[in-house]
Amino acid sequence: MNKDIFYVYMLTNPQRKMLYTGVTNNLALRIIQHWKSRGVSHTFTGRYFCYNLIYFEEYKYINNAIAREKEIKGWRREKKEELINSKNPSWEILNEKVCGSWPPPKYQIPPSLR
């Protein structure tokens, strides 16, 4: 992953009932962090087990990525689903493609993802 790229991403839980939108400059590491926090009740992604990547966009500038994240967060679920379906109609889980393997090692994060 190129750390000079910023990502707006959407996650869902195993039942595909919840959607979470976020922004990061290290998509693989962020997905692993969400996965490791599953079941942690004080975070949205932890409480609802949102760690399955189903959509992402790349941006050169952080301000553009943040603006897009805010835009998507303001949408109704139906519009978010339309966006996901436009690039990933089967809602394929993209974690392995982005991280290289899935699930991640229990206590190890590769140096290249830090």
PDB file of N, CA and C in Angstrom:
ATOM      1  N   MET A   1       0.842  -1.184   0.000  1.00  0.00           N
ATOM      2  CA  MET A   1       0.000   0.000   0.000  1.00  0.00           C
ATOM      3  C   MET A   1       0.887   1.248   0.000  1.00  0.00           C
ATOM      4  N   ASN A   2       0.507   2.203  -0.770  1.00  0.00           N
ATOM      5  CA  ASN A   2       1.220   3.464  -0.874  1.00  0.00           C
ATOM      6  C   ASN A   2       0.724   4.406   0.224  1.00  0.00           C
ATOM      7  N   LYS A   3       1.610   4.837   1.113  1.00  0.00           N
ATOM      8  CA  LYS A   3       1.194   5.702   2.223  1.00  0.00           C
ATOM      9  C   LYS A   3       0.931   7.142   1.781  1.00  0.00           C
ATOM     10  N   ASP A   4       1.191   7.444   0.505  1.00  0.00           N
ATOM     11  CA  ASP A   4       0.873   8.771  -0.022  1.00  0.00           C
ATOM     12  C   ASP A   4      -0.522   8.804  -0.625  1.00  0.00           C
ATOM     13  N   ILE A   5      -1.247   7.726  -0.460  1.00  0.00           N
ATOM     14  CA  ILE A   5      -2.624   7.617  -0.944  1.00  0.00           C
ATOM     15  C   ILE A   5      -3.540   7.547   0.275  1.00  0.00           C
ATOM     16  N   PHE A   6      -4.680   8.183   0.179  1.00  0.00           N
ATOM     17  CA  PHE A   6      -5.677   8.150   1.247  1.00  0.00           C
ATOM     18  C   PHE A   6      -6.886   7.378   0.744  1.00  0.00           C
ATOM     19  N   TYR A   7      -7.492   6.651   1.630  1.00  0.00           N
ATOM     20  CA  TYR A   7      -8.587   5.753   1.270  1.00  0.00           C
ATOM     21  C   TYR A   7      -9.847   6.106   2.040  1.00  0.00           C
ATOM     22  N   VAL A   8     -10.952   6.170   1.324  1.00  0.00           N
ATOM     23  CA  VAL A   8     -12.271   6.194   1.935  1.00  0.00           C
ATOM     24  C   VAL A   8     -12.791   4.777   1.745  1.00  0.00           C
ATOM     25  N   TYR A   9     -13.276   4.172   2.815  1.00  0.00           N
ATOM     26  CA  TYR A   9     -13.634   2.760   2.742  1.00  0.00           C
ATOM     27  C   TYR A   9     -14.951   2.490   3.455  1.00  0.00           C
ATOM     28  N   MET A  10     -15.567   1.385   3.069  1.00  0.00           N
ATOM     29  CA  MET A  10     -16.787   0.943   3.745  1.00  0.00           C
ATOM     30  C   MET A  10     -16.615  -0.507   4.182  1.00  0.00           C
ATOM     31  N   LEU A  11     -17.036  -0.733   5.410  1.00  0.00           N
ATOM     32  CA  LEU A  11     -17.009  -2.064   6.005  1.00  0.00           C
ATOM     33  C   LEU A  11     -18.431  -2.504   6.308  1.00  0.00           C
ATOM     34  N   THR A  12     -18.607  -3.809   6.411  1.00  0.00           N
ATOM     35  CA  THR A  12     -19.866  -4.354   6.881  1.00  0.00           C
ATOM     36  C   THR A  12     -19.557  -5.474   7.865  1.00  0.00           C
ATOM     37  N   ASN A  13     -20.583  -5.911   8.565  1.00  0.00           N
ATOM     38  CA  ASN A  13     -20.421  -7.022   9.508  1.00  0.00           C
ATOM     39  C   ASN A  13     -20.728  -8.332   8.779  1.00  0.00           C
ATOM     40  N   PRO A  14     -20.490  -9.487   9.412  1.00  0.00           N
ATOM     41  CA  PRO A  14     -20.728 -10.770   8.737  1.00  0.00           C
ATOM     42  C   PRO A  14     -22.162 -10.951   8.238  1.00  0.00           C
ATOM     43  N   GLN A  15     -23.132 -10.350   8.903  1.00  0.00           N
ATOM     44  CA  GLN A  15     -24.534 -10.468   8.476  1.00  0.00           C
ATOM     45  C   GLN A  15     -24.907  -9.432   7.416  1.00  0.00           C
ATOM     46  N   ARG A  16     -23.988  -8.530   7.110  1.00  0.00           N
ATOM     47  CA  ARG A  16     -24.187  -7.459   6.123  1.00  0.00           C
ATOM     48  C   ARG A  16     -25.341  -6.530   6.482  1.00  0.00           C
ATOM     49  N   LYS A  17     -25.572  -6.348   7.776  1.00  0.00           N
ATOM     50  CA  LYS A  17     -26.659  -5.473   8.245  1.00  0.00           C
ATOM     51  C   LYS A  17     -26.158  -4.064   8.551  1.00  0.00           C
ATOM     52  N   MET A  18     -24.898  -3.942   8.924  1.00  0.00           N
ATOM     53  CA  MET A  18     -24.339  -2.651   9.323  1.00  0.00           C
ATOM     54  C   MET A  18     -23.351  -2.183   8.262  1.00  0.00           C
ATOM     55  N   LEU A  19     -23.242  -0.870   8.114  1.00  0.00           N
ATOM     56  CA  LEU A  19     -22.242  -0.266   7.236  1.00  0.00           C
ATOM     57  C   LEU A  19     -21.468   0.775   8.029  1.00  0.00           C
ATOM     58  N   TYR A  20     -20.171   0.809   7.809  1.00  0.00           N
ATOM     59  CA  TYR A  20     -19.304   1.793   8.451  1.00  0.00           C
ATOM     60  C   TYR A  20     -18.448   2.424   7.366  1.00  0.00           C
ATOM     61  N   THR A  21     -18.311   3.731   7.414  1.00  0.00           N
ATOM     62  CA  THR A  21     -17.470   4.469   6.468  1.00  0.00           C
ATOM     63  C   THR A  21     -16.341   5.129   7.232  1.00  0.00           C
ATOM     64  N   GLY A  22     -15.125   4.999   6.704  1.00  0.00           N
ATOM     65  CA  GLY A  22     -13.967   5.600   7.353  1.00  0.00           C
ATOM     66  C   GLY A  22     -12.966   6.120   6.338  1.00  0.00           C
ATOM     67  N   VAL A  23     -11.898   6.729   6.841  1.00  0.00           N
ATOM     68  CA  VAL A  23     -10.817   7.245   6.007  1.00  0.00           C
ATOM     69  C   VAL A  23      -9.495   6.889   6.671  1.00  0.00           C
ATOM     70  N   THR A  24      -8.491   6.569   5.867  1.00  0.00           N
ATOM     71  CA  THR A  24      -7.180   6.179   6.387  1.00  0.00           C
ATOM     72  C   THR A  24      -6.124   6.352   5.304  1.00  0.00           C
ATOM     73  N   ASN A  25      -4.858   6.357   5.715  1.00  0.00           N
ATOM     74  CA  ASN A  25      -3.763   6.334   4.740  1.00  0.00           C
ATOM     75  C   ASN A  25      -3.091   4.964   4.699  1.00  0.00           C
ATOM     76  N   ASN A  26      -3.609   4.007   5.479  1.00  0.00           N
ATOM     77  CA  ASN A  26      -3.057   2.649   5.479  1.00  0.00           C
ATOM     78  C   ASN A  26      -4.237   1.679   5.599  1.00  0.00           C
ATOM     79  N   LEU A  27      -4.804   1.338   4.469  1.00  0.00           N
ATOM     80  CA  LEU A  27      -6.043   0.562   4.451  1.00  0.00           C
ATOM     81  C   LEU A  27      -5.873  -0.822   5.068  1.00  0.00           C
ATOM     82  N   ALA A  28      -4.804  -1.511   4.734  1.00  0.00           N
ATOM     83  CA  ALA A  28      -4.600  -2.862   5.274  1.00  0.00           C
ATOM     84  C   ALA A  28      -4.490  -2.833   6.796  1.00  0.00           C
ATOM     85  N   LEU A  29      -3.679  -1.939   7.320  1.00  0.00           N
ATOM     86  CA  LEU A  29      -3.527  -1.838   8.771  1.00  0.00           C
ATOM     87  C   LEU A  29      -4.852  -1.478   9.434  1.00  0.00           C
ATOM     88  N   ARG A  30      -5.593  -0.570   8.838  1.00  0.00           N
ATOM     89  CA  ARG A  30      -6.858  -0.139   9.448  1.00  0.00           C
ATOM     90  C   ARG A  30      -7.873  -1.276   9.492  1.00  0.00           C
ATOM     91  N   ILE A  31      -7.936  -2.079   8.440  1.00  0.00           N
ATOM     92  CA  ILE A  31      -8.840  -3.235   8.442  1.00  0.00           C
ATOM     93  C   ILE A  31      -8.448  -4.206   9.558  1.00  0.00           C
ATOM     94  N   ILE A  32      -7.156  -4.448   9.702  1.00  0.00           N
ATOM     95  CA  ILE A  32      -6.673  -5.336  10.771  1.00  0.00           C
ATOM     96  C   ILE A  32      -7.039  -4.765  12.131  1.00  0.00           C
ATOM     97  N   GLN A  33      -6.896  -3.467  12.309  1.00  0.00           N
ATOM     98  CA  GLN A  33      -7.272  -2.845  13.575  1.00  0.00           C
ATOM     99  C   GLN A  33      -8.755  -3.028  13.859  1.00  0.00           C
ATOM    100  N   HIS A  34      -9.600  -2.855  12.853  1.00  0.00           N
ATOM    101  CA  HIS A  34     -11.039  -3.080  13.039  1.00  0.00           C
ATOM    102  C   HIS A  34     -11.304  -4.537  13.418  1.00  0.00           C
ATOM    103  N   TRP A  35     -10.632  -5.458  12.754  1.00  0.00           N
ATOM    104  CA  TRP A  35     -10.818  -6.883  13.036  1.00  0.00           C
ATOM    105  C   TRP A  35     -10.400  -7.215  14.472  1.00  0.00           C
ATOM    106  N   LYS A  36      -9.279  -6.660  14.894  1.00  0.00           N
ATOM    107  CA  LYS A  36      -8.784  -6.938  16.251  1.00  0.00           C
ATOM    108  C   LYS A  36      -9.655  -6.310  17.332  1.00  0.00           C
ATOM    109  N   SER A  37     -10.439  -5.298  16.980  1.00  0.00           N
ATOM    110  CA  SER A  37     -11.302  -4.662  17.990  1.00  0.00           C
ATOM    111  C   SER A  37     -12.722  -5.225  17.990  1.00  0.00           C
ATOM    112  N   ARG A  38     -12.960  -6.293  17.232  1.00  0.00           N
ATOM    113  CA  ARG A  38     -14.308  -6.855  17.196  1.00  0.00           C
ATOM    114  C   ARG A  38     -14.730  -7.272  18.594  1.00  0.00           C
ATOM    115  N   GLY A  39     -15.964  -6.945  18.939  1.00  0.00           N
ATOM    116  CA  GLY A  39     -16.480  -7.255  20.270  1.00  0.00           C
ATOM    117  C   GLY A  39     -16.220  -6.178  21.302  1.00  0.00           C
ATOM    118  N   VAL A  40     -15.419  -5.169  20.972  1.00  0.00           N
ATOM    119  CA  VAL A  40     -15.146  -4.066  21.890  1.00  0.00           C
ATOM    120  C   VAL A  40     -16.333  -3.104  21.811  1.00  0.00           C
ATOM    121  N   SER A  41     -17.059  -2.990  22.906  1.00  0.00           N
ATOM    122  CA  SER A  41     -18.349  -2.294  22.865  1.00  0.00           C
ATOM    123  C   SER A  41     -18.263  -0.772  22.762  1.00  0.00           C
ATOM    124  N   HIS A  42     -17.121  -0.166  23.074  1.00  0.00           N
ATOM    125  CA  HIS A  42     -17.071   1.303  23.040  1.00  0.00           C
ATOM    126  C   HIS A  42     -16.747   1.873  21.657  1.00  0.00           C
ATOM    127  N   THR A  43     -16.583   1.021  20.643  1.00  0.00           N
ATOM    128  CA  THR A  43     -16.404   1.508  19.277  1.00  0.00           C
ATOM    129  C   THR A  43     -17.523   0.951  18.399  1.00  0.00           C
ATOM    130  N   PHE A  44     -17.921   1.710  17.395  1.00  0.00           N
ATOM    131  CA  PHE A  44     -18.995   1.260  16.511  1.00  0.00           C
ATOM    132  C   PHE A  44     -18.605  -0.036  15.804  1.00  0.00           C
ATOM    133  N   THR A  45     -17.409  -0.046  15.209  1.00  0.00           N
ATOM    134  CA  THR A  45     -17.016  -1.244  14.458  1.00  0.00           C
ATOM    135  C   THR A  45     -16.818  -2.440  15.371  1.00  0.00           C
ATOM    136  N   GLY A  46     -16.347  -2.213  16.569  1.00  0.00           N
ATOM    137  CA  GLY A  46     -16.189  -3.312  17.523  1.00  0.00           C
ATOM    138  C   GLY A  46     -17.517  -3.852  18.005  1.00  0.00           C
ATOM    139  N   ARG A  47     -18.414  -2.964  18.352  1.00  0.00           N
ATOM    140  CA  ARG A  47     -19.730  -3.360  18.856  1.00  0.00           C
ATOM    141  C   ARG A  47     -20.514  -4.148  17.817  1.00  0.00           C
ATOM    142  N   TYR A  48     -20.413  -3.745  16.540  1.00  0.00           N
ATOM    143  CA  TYR A  48     -21.200  -4.380  15.484  1.00  0.00           C
ATOM    144  C   TYR A  48     -20.387  -5.323  14.596  1.00  0.00           C
ATOM    145  N   PHE A  49     -19.134  -5.603  14.986  1.00  0.00           N
ATOM    146  CA  PHE A  49     -18.282  -6.553  14.262  1.00  0.00           C
ATOM    147  C   PHE A  49     -18.112  -6.169  12.786  1.00  0.00           C
ATOM    148  N   CYS A  50     -17.929  -4.877  12.541  1.00  0.00           N
ATOM    149  CA  CYS A  50     -17.702  -4.392  11.175  1.00  0.00           C
ATOM    150  C   CYS A  50     -16.208  -4.447  10.869  1.00  0.00           C
ATOM    151  N   TYR A  51     -15.816  -5.427  10.103  1.00  0.00           N
ATOM    152  CA  TYR A  51     -14.416  -5.552   9.699  1.00  0.00           C
ATOM    153  C   TYR A  51     -14.275  -6.086   8.281  1.00  0.00           C
ATOM    154  N   ASN A  52     -15.369  -6.319   7.585  1.00  0.00           N
ATOM    155  CA  ASN A  52     -15.309  -6.838   6.220  1.00  0.00           C
ATOM    156  C   ASN A  52     -15.330  -5.691   5.217  1.00  0.00           C
ATOM    157  N   LEU A  53     -14.209  -5.501   4.525  1.00  0.00           N
ATOM    158  CA  LEU A  53     -14.087  -4.445   3.531  1.00  0.00           C
ATOM    159  C   LEU A  53     -14.894  -4.814   2.288  1.00  0.00           C
ATOM    160  N   ILE A  54     -15.780  -3.915   1.881  1.00  0.00           N
ATOM    161  CA  ILE A  54     -16.583  -4.166   0.683  1.00  0.00           C
ATOM    162  C   ILE A  54     -16.454  -3.060  -0.359  1.00  0.00           C
ATOM    163  N   TYR A  55     -15.809  -1.956   0.016  1.00  0.00           N
ATOM    164  CA  TYR A  55     -15.703  -0.833  -0.931  1.00  0.00           C
ATOM    165  C   TYR A  55     -14.586   0.100  -0.473  1.00  0.00           C
ATOM    166  N   PHE A  56     -13.847   0.649  -1.453  1.00  0.00           N
ATOM    167  CA  PHE A  56     -12.904   1.717  -1.130  1.00  0.00           C
ATOM    168  C   PHE A  56     -12.619   2.561  -2.359  1.00  0.00           C
ATOM    169  N   GLU A  57     -12.211   3.789  -2.088  1.00  0.00           N
ATOM    170  CA  GLU A  57     -11.798   4.742  -3.104  1.00  0.00           C
ATOM    171  C   GLU A  57     -10.435   5.299  -2.688  1.00  0.00           C
ATOM    172  N   GLU A  58      -9.641   5.720  -3.663  1.00  0.00           N
ATOM    173  CA  GLU A  58      -8.314   6.274  -3.391  1.00  0.00           C
ATOM    174  C   GLU A  58      -8.293   7.771  -3.699  1.00  0.00           C
ATOM    175  N   TYR A  59      -7.559   8.505  -2.864  1.00  0.00           N
ATOM    176  CA  TYR A  59      -7.416   9.955  -3.040  1.00  0.00           C
ATOM    177  C   TYR A  59      -5.968  10.354  -2.828  1.00  0.00           C
ATOM    178  N   LYS A  60      -5.529  11.357  -3.558  1.00  0.00           N
ATOM    179  CA  LYS A  60      -4.175  11.875  -3.412  1.00  0.00           C
ATOM    180  C   LYS A  60      -4.072  12.819  -2.216  1.00  0.00           C
ATOM    181  N   TYR A  61      -5.161  13.534  -1.935  1.00  0.00           N
ATOM    182  CA  TYR A  61      -5.133  14.551  -0.886  1.00  0.00           C
ATOM    183  C   TYR A  61      -6.105  14.196   0.235  1.00  0.00           C
ATOM    184  N   ILE A  62      -5.629  14.337   1.467  1.00  0.00           N
ATOM    185  CA  ILE A  62      -6.441  13.978   2.630  1.00  0.00           C
ATOM    186  C   ILE A  62      -7.707  14.815   2.718  1.00  0.00           C
ATOM    187  N   ASN A  63      -7.639  16.096   2.360  1.00  0.00           N
ATOM    188  CA  ASN A  63      -8.841  16.924   2.470  1.00  0.00           C
ATOM    189  C   ASN A  63      -9.949  16.428   1.538  1.00  0.00           C
ATOM    190  N   ASN A  64      -9.588  15.915   0.370  1.00  0.00           N
ATOM    191  CA  ASN A  64     -10.587  15.350  -0.539  1.00  0.00           C
ATOM    192  C   ASN A  64     -11.170  14.055   0.031  1.00  0.00           C
ATOM    193  N   ALA A  65     -10.322  13.245   0.633  1.00  0.00           N
ATOM    194  CA  ALA A  65     -10.786  11.992   1.225  1.00  0.00           C
ATOM    195  C   ALA A  65     -11.734  12.265   2.392  1.00  0.00           C
ATOM    196  N   ILE A  66     -11.399  13.214   3.231  1.00  0.00           N
ATOM    197  CA  ILE A  66     -12.254  13.548   4.375  1.00  0.00           C
ATOM    198  C   ILE A  66     -13.597  14.105   3.894  1.00  0.00           C
ATOM    199  N   ALA A  67     -13.558  14.951   2.889  1.00  0.00           N
ATOM    200  CA  ALA A  67     -14.811  15.502   2.353  1.00  0.00           C
ATOM    201  C   ALA A  67     -15.698  14.385   1.791  1.00  0.00           C
ATOM    202  N   ARG A  68     -15.091  13.443   1.098  1.00  0.00           N
ATOM    203  CA  ARG A  68     -15.859  12.320   0.545  1.00  0.00           C
ATOM    204  C   ARG A  68     -16.413  11.435   1.655  1.00  0.00           C
ATOM    205  N   GLU A  69     -15.614  11.171   2.685  1.00  0.00           N
ATOM    206  CA  GLU A  69     -16.096  10.376   3.821  1.00  0.00           C
ATOM    207  C   GLU A  69     -17.323  11.039   4.445  1.00  0.00           C
ATOM    208  N   LYS A  70     -17.257  12.332   4.673  1.00  0.00           N
ATOM    209  CA  LYS A  70     -18.387  13.059   5.261  1.00  0.00           C
ATOM    210  C   LYS A  70     -19.607  13.010   4.350  1.00  0.00           C
ATOM    211  N   GLU A  71     -19.376  13.133   3.047  1.00  0.00           N
ATOM    212  CA  GLU A  71     -20.482  13.061   2.094  1.00  0.00           C
ATOM    213  C   GLU A  71     -21.184  11.699   2.192  1.00  0.00           C
ATOM    214  N   ILE A  72     -20.409  10.625   2.141  1.00  0.00           N
ATOM    215  CA  ILE A  72     -20.987   9.275   2.192  1.00  0.00           C
ATOM    216  C   ILE A  72     -21.683   9.036   3.525  1.00  0.00           C
ATOM    217  N   LYS A  73     -21.085   9.482   4.613  1.00  0.00           N
ATOM    218  CA  LYS A  73     -21.705   9.288   5.931  1.00  0.00           C
ATOM    219  C   LYS A  73     -23.063   9.971   6.023  1.00  0.00           C
ATOM    220  N   GLY A  74     -23.265  11.017   5.240  1.00  0.00           N
ATOM    221  CA  GLY A  74     -24.537  11.726   5.258  1.00  0.00           C
ATOM    222  C   GLY A  74     -25.637  11.070   4.429  1.00  0.00           C
ATOM    223  N   TRP A  75     -25.278  10.058   3.671  1.00  0.00           N
ATOM    224  CA  TRP A  75     -26.246   9.393   2.807  1.00  0.00           C
ATOM    225  C   TRP A  75     -27.103   8.394   3.563  1.00  0.00           C
ATOM    226  N   ARG A  76     -28.270   8.123   3.007  1.00  0.00           N
ATOM    227  CA  ARG A  76     -29.124   7.037   3.498  1.00  0.00           C
ATOM    228  C   ARG A  76     -28.499   5.708   3.062  1.00  0.00           C
ATOM    229  N   ARG A  77     -28.865   4.648   3.738  1.00  0.00           N
ATOM    230  CA  ARG A  77     -28.304   3.331   3.432  1.00  0.00           C
ATOM    231  C   ARG A  77     -28.493   2.948   1.960  1.00  0.00           C
ATOM    232  N   GLU A  78     -29.654   3.247   1.396  1.00  0.00           N
ATOM    233  CA  GLU A  78     -29.932   2.856   0.018  1.00  0.00           C
ATOM    234  C   GLU A  78     -28.906   3.446  -0.953  1.00  0.00           C
ATOM    235  N   LYS A  79     -28.535   4.688  -0.726  1.00  0.00           N
ATOM    236  CA  LYS A  79     -27.555   5.334  -1.605  1.00  0.00           C
ATOM    237  C   LYS A  79     -26.162   4.718  -1.402  1.00  0.00           C
ATOM    238  N   LYS A  80     -25.821   4.379  -0.174  1.00  0.00           N
ATOM    239  CA  LYS A  80     -24.550   3.702   0.085  1.00  0.00           C
ATOM    240  C   LYS A  80     -24.511   2.350  -0.617  1.00  0.00           C
ATOM    241  N   GLU A  81     -25.627   1.624  -0.563  1.00  0.00           N
ATOM    242  CA  GLU A  81     -25.695   0.325  -1.233  1.00  0.00           C
ATOM    243  C   GLU A  81     -25.531   0.478  -2.739  1.00  0.00           C
ATOM    244  N   GLU A  82     -26.105   1.519  -3.323  1.00  0.00           N
ATOM    245  CA  GLU A  82     -25.937   1.778  -4.754  1.00  0.00           C
ATOM    246  C   GLU A  82     -24.467   1.999  -5.094  1.00  0.00           C
ATOM    247  N   LEU A  83     -23.756   2.748  -4.250  1.00  0.00           N
ATOM    248  CA  LEU A  83     -22.333   2.990  -4.474  1.00  0.00           C
ATOM    249  C   LEU A  83     -21.553   1.684  -4.404  1.00  0.00           C
ATOM    250  N   ILE A  84     -21.801   0.890  -3.382  1.00  0.00           N
ATOM    251  CA  ILE A  84     -21.118  -0.405  -3.244  1.00  0.00           C
ATOM    252  C   ILE A  84     -21.415  -1.263  -4.468  1.00  0.00           C
ATOM    253  N   ASN A  85     -22.682  -1.358  -4.836  1.00  0.00           N
ATOM    254  CA  ASN A  85     -23.088  -2.199  -5.970  1.00  0.00           C
ATOM    255  C   ASN A  85     -22.478  -1.757  -7.294  1.00  0.00           C
ATOM    256  N   SER A  86     -22.147  -0.468  -7.419  1.00  0.00           N
ATOM    257  CA  SER A  86     -21.565   0.035  -8.663  1.00  0.00           C
ATOM    258  C   SER A  86     -20.175  -0.544  -8.921  1.00  0.00           C
ATOM    259  N   LYS A  87     -19.454  -0.903  -7.870  1.00  0.00           N
ATOM    260  CA  LYS A  87     -18.098  -1.444  -8.025  1.00  0.00           C
ATOM    261  C   LYS A  87     -17.961  -2.876  -7.510  1.00  0.00           C
ATOM    262  N   ASN A  88     -18.855  -3.281  -6.641  1.00  0.00           N
ATOM    263  CA  ASN A  88     -18.747  -4.604  -6.017  1.00  0.00           C
ATOM    264  C   ASN A  88     -20.156  -5.186  -5.838  1.00  0.00           C
ATOM    265  N   PRO A  89     -20.829  -5.522  -6.952  1.00  0.00           N
ATOM    266  CA  PRO A  89     -22.232  -5.942  -6.873  1.00  0.00           C
ATOM    267  C   PRO A  89     -22.484  -7.198  -6.059  1.00  0.00           C
ATOM    268  N   SER A  90     -21.493  -8.061  -5.913  1.00  0.00           N
ATOM    269  CA  SER A  90     -21.675  -9.284  -5.117  1.00  0.00           C
ATOM    270  C   SER A  90     -21.281  -9.073  -3.654  1.00  0.00           C
ATOM    271  N   TRP A  91     -20.846  -7.876  -3.319  1.00  0.00           N
ATOM    272  CA  TRP A  91     -20.374  -7.547  -1.974  1.00  0.00           C
ATOM    273  C   TRP A  91     -19.269  -8.512  -1.550  1.00  0.00           C
ATOM    274  N   GLU A  92     -18.356  -8.771  -2.475  1.00  0.00           N
ATOM    275  CA  GLU A  92     -17.208  -9.625  -2.176  1.00  0.00           C
ATOM    276  C   GLU A  92     -16.398  -8.986  -1.053  1.00  0.00           C
ATOM    277  N   ILE A  93     -15.970  -9.798  -0.107  1.00  0.00           N
ATOM    278  CA  ILE A  93     -15.119  -9.310   0.980  1.00  0.00           C
ATOM    279  C   ILE A  93     -13.712  -9.121   0.415  1.00  0.00           C
ATOM    280  N   LEU A  94     -13.171  -7.917   0.516  1.00  0.00           N
ATOM    281  CA  LEU A  94     -11.905  -7.551  -0.117  1.00  0.00           C
ATOM    282  C   LEU A  94     -10.708  -7.624   0.831  1.00  0.00           C
ATOM    283  N   ASN A  95     -10.910  -8.095   2.041  1.00  0.00           N
ATOM    284  CA  ASN A  95      -9.846  -8.091   3.050  1.00  0.00           C
ATOM    285  C   ASN A  95      -8.582  -8.809   2.573  1.00  0.00           C
ATOM    286  N   GLU A  96      -8.738 -10.003   2.030  1.00  0.00           N
ATOM    287  CA  GLU A  96      -7.566 -10.771   1.618  1.00  0.00           C
ATOM    288  C   GLU A  96      -6.830 -10.080   0.472  1.00  0.00           C
ATOM    289  N   LYS A  97      -7.556  -9.496  -0.459  1.00  0.00           N
ATOM    290  CA  LYS A  97      -6.927  -8.789  -1.580  1.00  0.00           C
ATOM    291  C   LYS A  97      -6.109  -7.600  -1.098  1.00  0.00           C
ATOM    292  N   VAL A  98      -6.605  -6.906  -0.091  1.00  0.00           N
ATOM    293  CA  VAL A  98      -5.914  -5.715   0.413  1.00  0.00           C
ATOM    294  C   VAL A  98      -4.807  -6.077   1.398  1.00  0.00           C
ATOM    295  N   CYS A  99      -5.060  -7.059   2.255  1.00  0.00           N
ATOM    296  CA  CYS A  99      -4.113  -7.400   3.329  1.00  0.00           C
ATOM    297  C   CYS A  99      -3.123  -8.495   2.948  1.00  0.00           C
ATOM    298  N   GLY A 100      -3.383  -9.230   1.892  1.00  0.00           N
ATOM    299  CA  GLY A 100      -2.487 -10.307   1.489  1.00  0.00           C
ATOM    300  C   GLY A 100      -2.900 -11.667   2.009  1.00  0.00           C
ATOM    301  N   SER A 101      -3.453 -11.713   3.193  1.00  0.00           N
ATOM    302  CA  SER A 101      -3.993 -12.950   3.761  1.00  0.00           C
ATOM    303  C   SER A 101      -5.077 -12.561   4.755  1.00  0.00           C
ATOM    304  N   TRP A 102      -5.969 -13.508   5.000  1.00  0.00           N
ATOM    305  CA  TRP A 102      -7.050 -13.235   5.948  1.00  0.00           C
ATOM    306  C   TRP A 102      -7.511 -14.528   6.569  1.00  0.00           C
ATOM    307  N   PRO A 103      -7.748 -14.573   7.879  1.00  0.00           N
ATOM    308  CA  PRO A 103      -7.588 -13.476   8.848  1.00  0.00           C
ATOM    309  C   PRO A 103      -6.116 -13.202   9.124  1.00  0.00           C
ATOM    310  N   PRO A 104      -5.836 -12.045   9.716  1.00  0.00           N
ATOM    311  CA  PRO A 104      -4.434 -11.691   9.990  1.00  0.00           C
ATOM    312  C   PRO A 104      -3.880 -12.554  11.113  1.00  0.00           C
ATOM    313  N   PRO A 105      -2.546 -12.650  11.176  1.00  0.00           N
ATOM    314  CA  PRO A 105      -1.926 -13.371  12.294  1.00  0.00           C
ATOM    315  C   PRO A 105      -2.405 -12.794  13.618  1.00  0.00           C
ATOM    316  N   LYS A 106      -2.536 -13.620  14.611  1.00  0.00           N
ATOM    317  CA  LYS A 106      -3.159 -13.222  15.873  1.00  0.00           C
ATOM    318  C   LYS A 106      -2.512 -12.001  16.520  1.00  0.00           C
ATOM    319  N   TYR A 107      -1.200 -11.983  16.630  1.00  0.00           N
ATOM    320  CA  TYR A 107      -0.554 -10.870  17.341  1.00  0.00           C
ATOM    321  C   TYR A 107       0.523 -10.189  16.512  1.00  0.00           C
ATOM    322  N   GLN A 108       0.570 -10.452  15.240  1.00  0.00           N
ATOM    323  CA  GLN A 108       1.647  -9.905  14.428  1.00  0.00           C
ATOM    324  C   GLN A 108       1.086  -9.045  13.310  1.00  0.00           C
ATOM    325  N   ILE A 109       1.614  -7.848  13.185  1.00  0.00           N
ATOM    326  CA  ILE A 109       1.305  -6.986  12.049  1.00  0.00           C
ATOM    327  C   ILE A 109       2.604  -6.830  11.273  1.00  0.00           C
ATOM    328  N   PRO A 110       2.621  -7.244  10.009  1.00  0.00           N
ATOM    329  CA  PRO A 110       3.856  -7.140   9.238  1.00  0.00           C
ATOM    330  C   PRO A 110       4.383  -5.712   9.200  1.00  0.00           C
ATOM    331  N   PRO A 111       5.709  -5.539   9.269  1.00  0.00           N
ATOM    332  CA  PRO A 111       6.297  -4.187   9.232  1.00  0.00           C
ATOM    333  C   PRO A 111       5.843  -3.368   8.035  1.00  0.00           C
ATOM    334  N   SER A 112       5.590  -4.016   6.901  1.00  0.00           N
ATOM    335  CA  SER A 112       5.170  -3.275   5.713  1.00  0.00           C
ATOM    336  C   SER A 112       3.802  -2.645   5.870  1.00  0.00           C
ATOM    337  N   LEU A 113       3.005  -3.084   6.867  1.00  0.00           N
ATOM    338  CA  LEU A 113       1.670  -2.530   7.074  1.00  0.00           C
ATOM    339  C   LEU A 113       1.630  -1.497   8.189  1.00  0.00           C
ATOM    340  N   ARG A 114       2.731  -1.285   8.878  1.00  0.00           N
ATOM    341  CA  ARG A 114       2.738  -0.322   9.991  1.00  0.00           C
ATOM    342  C   ARG A 114       2.819   1.096   9.503  1.00  0.00           C
TER     343      ARG A 114
END
